[in-house]
N, C-alpha and C. Protein backbone atom coordinates (compact mmCIF):
# COMPACT_ATOMS: atom_id res chain seq x y z
N UNK A 1 0.53 -1.33 0.16
CA UNK A 1 0.11 0.19 -0.02
C UNK A 1 0.81 1.30 0.00
N UNK A 2 1.73 1.21 0.69
CA UNK A 2 2.73 2.44 0.58
C UNK A 2 3.34 2.41 -0.80
N UNK A 3 3.41 1.67 -1.48
CA UNK A 3 3.94 1.71 -2.75
C UNK A 3 3.15 2.51 -3.41
N UNK A 4 1.91 2.37 -3.86
CA UNK A 4 1.04 2.66 -4.65
C UNK A 4 0.39 3.99 -4.13
N UNK A 5 0.80 4.65 -2.77
CA UNK A 5 0.60 5.99 -2.42
C UNK A 5 1.93 6.60 -3.15
N UNK A 6 3.04 6.13 -2.95
CA UNK A 6 3.99 7.02 -3.37
C UNK A 6 4.10 7.13 -4.80
N UNK A 7 3.38 6.11 -5.50
CA UNK A 7 3.42 6.11 -7.11
C UNK A 7 2.21 7.28 -7.34
N UNK A 8 1.23 7.49 -6.83
CA UNK A 8 0.24 8.29 -7.07
C UNK A 8 0.54 9.70 -6.98
N UNK A 9 1.39 9.92 -5.69
CA UNK A 9 2.06 11.35 -5.64
C UNK A 9 2.92 11.70 -6.22
N UNK A 10 3.88 10.63 -6.85
CA UNK A 10 5.03 10.93 -7.96
C UNK A 10 4.09 11.47 -9.36
N UNK A 11 3.19 11.15 -9.82
CA UNK A 11 2.43 11.32 -10.79
C UNK A 11 1.54 12.26 -10.99
N UNK A 12 1.40 12.93 -10.09
CA UNK A 12 0.24 13.76 -9.84
C UNK A 12 0.84 15.30 -10.13
N UNK A 13 0.32 16.46 -10.28
CA UNK A 13 0.72 17.61 -11.06
C UNK A 13 -0.28 18.35 -10.97
N UNK A 14 -0.15 19.72 -10.65
CA UNK A 14 -0.86 20.92 -10.26
C UNK A 14 -0.95 21.80 -11.68
N UNK A 15 -2.13 21.64 -12.15
CA UNK A 15 -1.79 23.07 -13.48
C UNK A 15 -2.67 23.83 -13.10
N UNK A 16 -2.13 25.33 -13.55
CA UNK A 16 -2.45 26.53 -12.94
C UNK A 16 -3.34 27.24 -14.31
N UNK A 17 -4.28 28.04 -14.19
CA UNK A 17 -4.79 28.92 -15.44
C UNK A 17 -6.59 28.27 -15.16
N UNK A 18 -7.30 28.83 -16.18
CA UNK A 18 -8.59 28.81 -16.20
C UNK A 18 -8.93 27.99 -17.39
N UNK A 19 -9.61 26.89 -17.21
CA UNK A 19 -10.27 26.27 -18.17
C UNK A 19 -10.72 26.90 -19.68
N UNK A 20 -10.52 26.61 -20.59
CA UNK A 20 -11.08 27.13 -21.81
C UNK A 20 -11.45 26.25 -22.72
N UNK A 21 -12.85 26.53 -23.32
CA UNK A 21 -13.41 25.51 -24.26
C UNK A 21 -12.46 25.32 -25.60
N UNK A 22 -12.25 24.07 -25.96
CA UNK A 22 -11.27 23.76 -27.06
C UNK A 22 -11.83 24.26 -28.41
N UNK A 23 -11.01 24.93 -29.19
CA UNK A 23 -11.34 25.35 -30.55
C UNK A 23 -10.63 24.90 -31.44
N UNK A 24 -11.20 24.45 -32.98
CA UNK A 24 -10.15 24.02 -33.81
C UNK A 24 -9.75 25.20 -34.50
N UNK A 25 -8.46 25.23 -35.16
CA UNK A 25 -7.60 26.38 -35.74
C UNK A 25 -8.72 27.12 -36.47
N UNK A 26 -9.48 26.59 -37.67
CA UNK A 26 -10.14 26.89 -38.38
C UNK A 26 -11.44 25.98 -38.88
N UNK A 27 -12.82 26.40 -38.63
CA UNK A 27 -13.80 24.82 -38.87
C UNK A 27 -13.84 24.89 -40.12
N UNK A 28 -13.34 25.67 -41.38
CA UNK A 28 -13.76 25.16 -42.39
C UNK A 28 -12.13 25.37 -43.74
N UNK A 29 -10.86 24.63 -43.47
CA UNK A 29 -9.95 25.16 -43.72
C UNK A 29 -9.88 24.74 -45.18
N UNK A 30 -10.47 24.56 -46.16
CA UNK A 30 -10.89 24.31 -47.71
C UNK A 30 -11.92 25.16 -48.47
N UNK A 31 -12.25 26.08 -47.38
CA UNK A 31 -13.60 26.78 -48.25
C UNK A 31 -12.98 28.05 -48.52
N UNK A 32 -13.37 28.53 -49.65
CA UNK A 32 -13.08 30.07 -50.23
C UNK A 32 -13.97 30.97 -50.00
N UNK A 33 -13.58 32.25 -49.51
CA UNK A 33 -14.68 33.13 -49.52
C UNK A 33 -14.36 34.22 -50.31
N UNK A 34 -13.59 34.40 -51.47
CA UNK A 34 -13.37 35.27 -52.64
C UNK A 34 -14.72 35.66 -53.41
N UNK A 35 -14.73 36.26 -54.61
CA UNK A 35 -15.24 36.93 -55.22
C UNK A 35 -15.59 35.74 -56.46
N UNK A 36 -16.43 35.45 -56.38
CA UNK A 36 -17.17 34.31 -57.51
C UNK A 36 -18.43 34.48 -57.92
N UNK A 37 -18.64 34.18 -58.98
CA UNK A 37 -20.05 33.97 -59.79
C UNK A 37 -20.85 35.79 -59.22
N UNK A 38 -20.01 36.82 -59.48
CA UNK A 38 -20.97 37.78 -59.03
C UNK A 38 -21.08 38.19 -57.42
N UNK A 39 -20.61 37.49 -56.43
CA UNK A 39 -21.26 37.64 -55.12
C UNK A 39 -19.43 37.80 -54.42
N UNK A 40 -19.71 38.85 -53.29
CA UNK A 40 -18.49 38.73 -52.42
C UNK A 40 -18.61 38.46 -51.15
N UNK A 41 -18.01 37.65 -50.49
CA UNK A 41 -18.05 36.83 -49.67
C UNK A 41 -19.40 35.95 -49.42
N UNK A 42 -19.72 35.42 -50.76
CA UNK A 42 -20.96 34.17 -50.75
C UNK A 42 -22.14 34.89 -50.51
N UNK A 43 -22.15 36.38 -50.54
CA UNK A 43 -23.32 37.12 -50.02
C UNK A 43 -23.73 37.88 -51.84
N UNK A 44 -24.93 37.49 -51.92
CA UNK A 44 -25.08 38.57 -53.11
C UNK A 44 -25.77 39.73 -52.86
N UNK A 45 -25.78 40.82 -53.68
CA UNK A 45 -25.99 42.14 -53.27
C UNK A 45 -27.44 42.22 -52.67
N UNK A 46 -28.34 41.24 -52.84
CA UNK A 46 -29.71 41.69 -52.21
C UNK A 46 -29.71 40.59 -50.88
N UNK A 47 -29.01 39.87 -50.53
CA UNK A 47 -28.73 39.54 -49.26
C UNK A 47 -28.26 40.77 -48.30
N UNK A 48 -27.17 41.33 -48.90
CA UNK A 48 -26.44 42.18 -47.89
C UNK A 48 -27.49 43.72 -48.02
N UNK A 49 -28.18 44.08 -49.02
CA UNK A 49 -29.28 44.99 -48.71
C UNK A 49 -30.56 44.34 -47.97
N UNK A 50 -30.87 43.31 -48.02
CA UNK A 50 -31.65 42.81 -46.98
C UNK A 50 -31.77 42.80 -45.55
N UNK A 51 -30.25 42.34 -45.23
CA UNK A 51 -29.66 42.10 -44.07
C UNK A 51 -29.22 43.44 -43.05
N UNK A 52 -29.27 44.72 -44.04
CA UNK A 52 -29.06 46.06 -43.44
C UNK A 52 -30.31 46.77 -43.49
N UNK A 53 -31.63 46.58 -44.28
CA UNK A 53 -32.53 47.08 -44.49
C UNK A 53 -32.67 48.10 -45.41
N UNK A 54 -31.92 48.34 -46.38
CA UNK A 54 -31.58 49.54 -47.10
C UNK A 54 -32.48 49.11 -48.34
N UNK A 55 -33.07 50.60 -48.96
CA UNK A 55 -33.75 50.01 -50.49
C UNK A 55 -32.90 50.12 -51.48
N UNK A 56 -31.89 50.29 -51.45
CA UNK A 56 -30.95 50.17 -53.01
C UNK A 56 -29.64 49.98 -52.32
N UNK A 57 -28.79 49.25 -53.22
CA UNK A 57 -27.41 48.87 -52.79
C UNK A 57 -26.58 49.30 -54.05
N UNK A 58 -25.45 49.49 -54.44
CA UNK A 58 -24.74 49.86 -55.52
C UNK A 58 -23.16 49.35 -55.01
N UNK A 59 -22.85 48.45 -55.64
CA UNK A 59 -21.30 48.04 -55.78
C UNK A 59 -20.14 48.63 -56.81
N UNK A 60 -19.85 49.61 -56.11
CA UNK A 60 -18.67 50.37 -57.17
C UNK A 60 -17.40 49.31 -57.55
N UNK A 61 -16.94 48.65 -56.47
CA UNK A 61 -15.90 47.87 -56.75
C UNK A 61 -15.99 46.22 -56.39
N UNK A 62 -15.30 45.15 -56.99
CA UNK A 62 -15.40 44.04 -56.86
C UNK A 62 -14.17 43.48 -57.02
N UNK A 63 -13.80 42.24 -55.79
CA UNK A 63 -12.52 41.50 -56.05
C UNK A 63 -12.09 41.11 -54.71
N UNK A 64 -11.01 40.88 -54.48
CA UNK A 64 -10.54 40.53 -52.93
C UNK A 64 -11.01 41.77 -51.83
N UNK A 65 -11.09 42.65 -52.36
CA UNK A 65 -12.10 43.69 -51.50
C UNK A 65 -13.06 44.18 -52.49
N UNK A 66 -14.38 44.26 -51.41
CA UNK A 66 -15.45 44.68 -52.58
C UNK A 66 -16.30 45.85 -51.73
N UNK A 67 -16.29 46.80 -52.37
CA UNK A 67 -17.26 48.24 -51.67
C UNK A 67 -18.41 48.24 -51.93
N UNK A 68 -19.55 48.81 -51.15
CA UNK A 68 -20.83 49.00 -51.12
C UNK A 68 -20.97 50.07 -50.81
N UNK A 69 -22.45 50.79 -51.32
CA UNK A 69 -22.89 51.86 -51.10
C UNK A 69 -24.56 51.24 -50.73
N UNK A 70 -24.91 51.69 -49.59
CA UNK A 70 -26.58 51.31 -49.66
C UNK A 70 -27.37 52.61 -48.96
N UNK A 71 -28.39 52.62 -49.88
CA UNK A 71 -29.16 53.68 -49.33
C UNK A 71 -30.23 53.34 -48.62
N UNK A 72 -30.80 54.39 -47.44
CA UNK A 72 -31.80 54.08 -46.47
C UNK A 72 -32.48 55.28 -46.26
N UNK A 73 -33.69 55.67 -46.22
CA UNK A 73 -34.37 56.70 -46.26
C UNK A 73 -33.82 57.77 -44.49
N UNK A 74 -32.71 57.13 -43.59
CA UNK A 74 -32.46 57.90 -42.74
C UNK A 74 -30.74 58.11 -43.28
N UNK A 75 -30.16 57.71 -44.53
CA UNK A 75 -28.89 58.00 -44.57
C UNK A 75 -28.27 56.80 -45.78
N UNK A 76 -26.82 57.23 -45.47
CA UNK A 76 -26.03 56.09 -46.41
C UNK A 76 -25.33 55.01 -45.74
N UNK A 77 -25.07 53.92 -45.93
CA UNK A 77 -23.94 52.84 -45.30
C UNK A 77 -22.80 52.42 -46.48
N UNK A 78 -22.17 52.94 -45.80
CA UNK A 78 -20.76 52.29 -46.47
C UNK A 78 -20.48 51.29 -46.10
N UNK A 79 -20.14 50.01 -46.67
CA UNK A 79 -19.61 48.68 -46.36
C UNK A 79 -18.49 48.33 -47.08
N UNK A 80 -17.62 47.32 -46.65
CA UNK A 80 -16.63 47.24 -47.22
C UNK A 80 -16.43 45.58 -46.83
N UNK A 81 -16.13 44.73 -48.12
CA UNK A 81 -15.89 43.38 -47.34
C UNK A 81 -14.42 42.76 -48.10
N UNK A 82 -13.58 42.15 -47.34
CA UNK A 82 -12.42 41.64 -47.63
C UNK A 82 -11.96 40.59 -46.92
N UNK A 83 -11.54 39.45 -47.91
CA UNK A 83 -11.11 38.38 -47.41
C UNK A 83 -9.26 38.16 -47.95
N UNK A 84 -8.55 38.11 -47.26
CA UNK A 84 -7.30 37.59 -47.70
C UNK A 84 -6.98 36.07 -47.75
N UNK A 85 -7.00 35.52 -48.92
CA UNK A 85 -6.70 34.02 -48.53
C UNK A 85 -5.34 33.59 -47.77
N UNK A 86 -4.48 34.60 -47.52
CA UNK A 86 -3.54 33.64 -47.03
C UNK A 86 -3.34 34.95 -46.03
N UNK A 87 -4.18 35.53 -45.35
CA UNK A 87 -4.27 36.53 -44.21
C UNK A 87 -4.06 35.85 -42.96
N UNK A 88 -3.81 36.66 -41.85
CA UNK A 88 -3.49 36.53 -40.50
C UNK A 88 -4.84 37.05 -39.79
N UNK A 89 -5.47 36.27 -38.78
CA UNK A 89 -6.16 36.84 -38.01
C UNK A 89 -5.40 37.57 -36.98
N UNK A 90 -4.28 37.54 -36.19
CA UNK A 90 -3.74 38.30 -35.49
C UNK A 90 -2.81 39.83 -36.22
N UNK A 91 -2.62 39.27 -37.23
CA UNK A 91 -2.23 40.45 -38.47
C UNK A 91 -3.28 41.62 -38.22
N UNK A 92 -4.58 40.82 -38.65
CA UNK A 92 -5.44 41.92 -38.89
C UNK A 92 -5.91 42.50 -37.41
N UNK A 93 -5.74 41.78 -36.36
CA UNK A 93 -5.99 42.27 -34.95
C UNK A 93 -5.32 43.36 -34.54
N UNK A 94 -3.85 43.15 -34.97
CA UNK A 94 -2.59 43.87 -34.56
C UNK A 94 -3.02 45.68 -35.20
N UNK A 95 -3.42 45.35 -36.72
CA UNK A 95 -3.73 46.77 -37.73
C UNK A 95 -4.88 47.40 -36.79
N UNK A 96 -5.85 46.67 -36.43
CA UNK A 96 -7.11 47.12 -35.79
C UNK A 96 -6.82 48.04 -34.78
N UNK A 97 -6.12 47.58 -33.80
CA UNK A 97 -5.35 47.95 -32.68
C UNK A 97 -4.52 49.40 -32.90
N UNK A 98 -3.74 49.52 -33.97
CA UNK A 98 -2.64 50.27 -34.33
C UNK A 98 -3.85 51.50 -34.56
N UNK A 99 -4.84 51.16 -35.20
CA UNK A 99 -5.95 52.36 -35.74
C UNK A 99 -6.41 53.02 -34.73
N UNK A 100 -6.40 52.38 -33.45
CA UNK A 100 -6.83 53.10 -32.50
C UNK A 100 -8.30 52.37 -32.08
N UNK A 101 -8.43 51.36 -32.73
CA UNK A 101 -9.91 50.79 -32.62
C UNK A 101 -10.03 50.05 -31.36
N UNK A 102 -11.27 50.36 -30.83
CA UNK A 102 -11.49 49.29 -29.46
C UNK A 102 -11.91 47.83 -29.95
N UNK A 103 -11.16 46.89 -29.53
CA UNK A 103 -11.14 45.54 -29.85
C UNK A 103 -12.18 44.74 -28.74
N UNK A 104 -13.13 43.88 -29.52
CA UNK A 104 -13.81 43.29 -28.88
C UNK A 104 -14.06 41.55 -28.95
N UNK A 105 -13.16 40.94 -28.34
CA UNK A 105 -13.65 38.98 -29.08
C UNK A 105 -14.97 38.86 -28.74
N UNK A 106 -15.08 38.06 -29.85
CA UNK A 106 -16.66 37.28 -29.42
C UNK A 106 -16.42 36.17 -30.52
N UNK A 107 -17.52 35.40 -30.55
CA UNK A 107 -17.70 34.07 -31.38
C UNK A 107 -18.63 34.34 -32.32
N UNK A 108 -18.47 34.12 -33.95
CA UNK A 108 -19.54 34.21 -34.93
C UNK A 108 -19.47 33.04 -35.79
N UNK A 109 -20.76 32.39 -35.60
CA UNK A 109 -20.67 30.87 -36.33
C UNK A 109 -19.53 29.75 -36.22
N UNK A 110 -19.07 29.66 -34.50
CA UNK A 110 -18.25 28.98 -34.48
C UNK A 110 -16.71 29.36 -34.71
N UNK A 111 -16.44 30.51 -35.10
CA UNK A 111 -15.73 31.13 -35.59
C UNK A 111 -15.29 32.00 -34.70
N UNK A 112 -13.54 32.13 -34.06
CA UNK A 112 -13.04 32.87 -32.99
C UNK A 112 -13.49 34.13 -34.07
N UNK A 113 -13.56 35.13 -33.44
CA UNK A 113 -13.97 36.70 -34.25
C UNK A 113 -13.40 37.92 -33.05
N UNK A 114 -13.48 38.92 -33.61
CA UNK A 114 -13.27 40.14 -32.94
C UNK A 114 -13.97 41.65 -33.77
N UNK A 115 -14.35 42.12 -32.68
CA UNK A 115 -15.14 43.44 -33.38
C UNK A 115 -13.92 44.59 -33.41
N UNK A 116 -13.92 45.78 -34.34
CA UNK A 116 -12.93 46.63 -34.20
C UNK A 116 -13.51 48.13 -34.26
N UNK A 117 -14.02 48.62 -33.29
CA UNK A 117 -14.95 49.77 -33.25
C UNK A 117 -14.05 51.01 -33.29
N UNK A 118 -14.27 52.08 -34.32
CA UNK A 118 -14.10 53.40 -34.33
C UNK A 118 -15.06 54.45 -33.94
N UNK A 119 -14.62 54.99 -32.92
CA UNK A 119 -15.63 56.00 -32.79
C UNK A 119 -15.00 57.44 -32.89
N UNK A 120 -16.28 58.41 -32.73
CA UNK A 120 -15.81 59.69 -32.74
C UNK A 120 -16.79 60.16 -33.79
N UNK A 121 -16.19 61.16 -34.59
CA UNK A 121 -17.09 61.98 -35.20
C UNK A 121 -17.93 61.07 -36.45
N UNK A 122 -17.16 59.88 -37.04
CA UNK A 122 -17.61 59.30 -38.09
C UNK A 122 -17.26 57.46 -37.66
N UNK A 123 -18.28 57.11 -36.52
CA UNK A 123 -18.10 56.02 -36.07
C UNK A 123 -18.11 54.86 -37.36
N UNK A 124 -17.29 53.69 -37.10
CA UNK A 124 -17.55 52.54 -37.89
C UNK A 124 -17.28 51.08 -37.12
N UNK A 125 -17.49 50.07 -37.65
CA UNK A 125 -17.06 49.25 -36.69
C UNK A 125 -16.64 47.76 -37.98
N UNK A 126 -15.59 46.85 -37.81
CA UNK A 126 -15.52 45.60 -38.48
C UNK A 126 -15.52 44.47 -37.65
N UNK A 127 -15.71 43.51 -38.31
CA UNK A 127 -16.01 41.95 -37.73
C UNK A 127 -15.18 41.31 -38.52
N UNK A 128 -14.00 40.43 -38.14
CA UNK A 128 -13.31 39.71 -38.60
C UNK A 128 -12.92 38.31 -38.28
N UNK A 129 -12.76 37.60 -38.82
CA UNK A 129 -12.85 36.06 -38.10
C UNK A 129 -11.78 35.44 -38.95
N UNK A 130 -11.01 34.54 -38.72
CA UNK A 130 -10.42 33.46 -39.65
C UNK A 130 -11.51 32.33 -40.12
N UNK A 131 -10.96 32.43 -41.58
CA UNK A 131 -11.83 31.29 -42.12
C UNK A 131 -10.92 31.08 -43.46
N UNK A 132 -11.45 29.97 -43.87
CA UNK A 132 -11.02 29.08 -44.91
C UNK A 132 -9.37 29.31 -44.95
N UNK A 133 -8.80 29.44 -45.68
CA UNK A 133 -6.92 29.51 -45.57
C UNK A 133 -6.68 31.01 -44.89
N UNK A 134 -7.40 32.21 -44.74
CA UNK A 134 -7.12 33.47 -44.23
C UNK A 134 -8.19 34.03 -43.24
N UNK A 135 -8.53 34.83 -43.91
CA UNK A 135 -9.06 35.76 -42.51
C UNK A 135 -10.01 36.83 -43.75
N UNK A 136 -11.57 37.21 -42.91
CA UNK A 136 -12.40 38.05 -43.80
C UNK A 136 -13.07 38.88 -42.91
N UNK A 137 -13.19 40.10 -43.21
CA UNK A 137 -14.01 41.06 -42.93
C UNK A 137 -14.80 41.99 -43.31
N UNK A 138 -16.02 42.15 -42.85
CA UNK A 138 -16.92 43.18 -42.86
C UNK A 138 -16.87 44.06 -42.34
N UNK A 139 -16.96 45.59 -43.12
CA UNK A 139 -16.57 47.18 -42.31
C UNK A 139 -17.76 47.57 -42.62
N UNK A 140 -18.24 48.36 -41.57
CA UNK A 140 -19.56 49.09 -41.86
C UNK A 140 -19.30 50.66 -41.14
N UNK A 141 -20.16 51.62 -41.96
CA UNK A 141 -20.19 53.08 -41.43
C UNK A 141 -21.31 53.86 -41.98
N UNK A 142 -22.35 53.93 -40.94
CA UNK A 142 -23.41 54.90 -41.57
C UNK A 142 -23.01 56.06 -41.47
N UNK A 143 -23.84 56.73 -42.71
CA UNK A 143 -24.10 58.58 -43.01
C UNK A 143 -25.49 58.76 -42.59
N UNK A 144 -25.80 59.83 -41.98
CA UNK A 144 -25.58 60.36 -41.14
C UNK A 144 -24.89 59.51 -39.90
N UNK A 145 -24.63 60.05 -38.60
CA UNK A 145 -24.59 59.06 -37.62
C UNK A 145 -25.60 58.57 -37.05
N UNK A 146 -26.58 58.68 -37.21
CA UNK A 146 -27.94 58.46 -36.51
C UNK A 146 -28.82 57.37 -37.44
N UNK A 147 -27.54 56.79 -38.21
CA UNK A 147 -28.32 55.92 -39.20
C UNK A 147 -28.35 54.30 -38.49
N UNK A 148 -27.42 53.86 -37.43
CA UNK A 148 -27.30 52.38 -36.85
C UNK A 148 -26.19 52.41 -35.99
N UNK A 149 -26.09 51.09 -35.77
CA UNK A 149 -25.09 50.45 -34.80
C UNK A 149 -24.07 49.66 -35.91
N UNK A 150 -23.06 49.97 -36.04
CA UNK A 150 -22.56 49.53 -37.05
C UNK A 150 -21.67 48.43 -36.59
N UNK A 151 -21.22 47.59 -35.55
CA UNK A 151 -20.71 46.83 -34.92
C UNK A 151 -21.41 45.70 -35.53
N UNK A 152 -23.12 46.13 -34.70
CA UNK A 152 -24.37 45.00 -34.90
C UNK A 152 -24.54 44.59 -36.46
N UNK A 153 -24.12 45.64 -37.34
CA UNK A 153 -24.37 45.26 -38.83
C UNK A 153 -23.11 44.43 -39.33
N UNK A 154 -22.00 44.54 -39.08
CA UNK A 154 -20.85 44.55 -39.36
C UNK A 154 -20.61 42.66 -38.98
N UNK A 155 -21.20 42.36 -37.65
CA UNK A 155 -21.34 41.06 -37.21
C UNK A 155 -22.24 40.33 -38.11
N UNK A 156 -23.56 40.88 -38.33
CA UNK A 156 -24.77 40.49 -38.78
C UNK A 156 -24.06 39.74 -40.21
N UNK A 157 -23.54 40.70 -41.28
CA UNK A 157 -22.99 40.30 -42.19
C UNK A 157 -21.49 39.41 -42.01
N UNK A 158 -20.97 39.33 -41.09
CA UNK A 158 -20.07 38.01 -40.95
C UNK A 158 -20.41 36.65 -40.61
N UNK A 159 -21.55 37.00 -40.00
CA UNK A 159 -22.25 35.80 -39.57
C UNK A 159 -23.10 35.41 -40.77
N UNK A 160 -23.56 35.92 -41.67
CA UNK A 160 -24.32 35.54 -42.85
C UNK A 160 -23.15 34.97 -43.67
N UNK A 161 -22.04 35.55 -43.98
CA UNK A 161 -21.07 34.70 -44.74
C UNK A 161 -20.34 33.86 -43.97
N UNK A 162 -20.39 33.42 -43.02
CA UNK A 162 -19.60 32.28 -42.53
C UNK A 162 -20.66 31.18 -42.44
N UNK A 163 -22.26 31.37 -42.52
CA UNK A 163 -23.15 30.27 -42.50
C UNK A 163 -23.43 30.00 -43.79
N UNK A 164 -23.30 30.47 -44.85
CA UNK A 164 -23.61 30.51 -46.09
C UNK A 164 -23.29 29.13 -46.60
N UNK A 165 -24.45 28.53 -47.15
CA UNK A 165 -24.41 27.22 -47.73
C UNK A 165 -24.30 27.30 -49.20
N UNK A 166 -23.15 27.71 -49.80
CA UNK A 166 -23.24 28.12 -51.09
C UNK A 166 -21.97 27.00 -51.67
């Protein structure tokens, strides 16, 4: 009996820290979120228009970065989507912090994500997640200021992109 007690004591170990939920590196490593079939980030222009409650949408540029201008009765919404195929979540987070954004960690559709909010005269917010082989971001700014909540809108577009079944 004494030997068993010695073996148990010899094999025990104390671990410090707090328990955290296990996360896969990226839930969808083979999925592409790039511009294809006239869609940016797997979303159609109509989907973006409906998600943000706009009367109309114009997309002046499409590619790895897609720009949108949406119109509502309360004003305009500037939206930018980007997917960098070999981008880095940590790099995008660092750049947002360098620009003075307030960073909030979150999970969106099983993906670790962050919101980067810029306050001031022209508040804006981006929602960013690691996805596929890279990183994708939706950035939203309402004009005039009373137009809405940019972080909620950016997160909604990110969630729609990550849950697309295309």
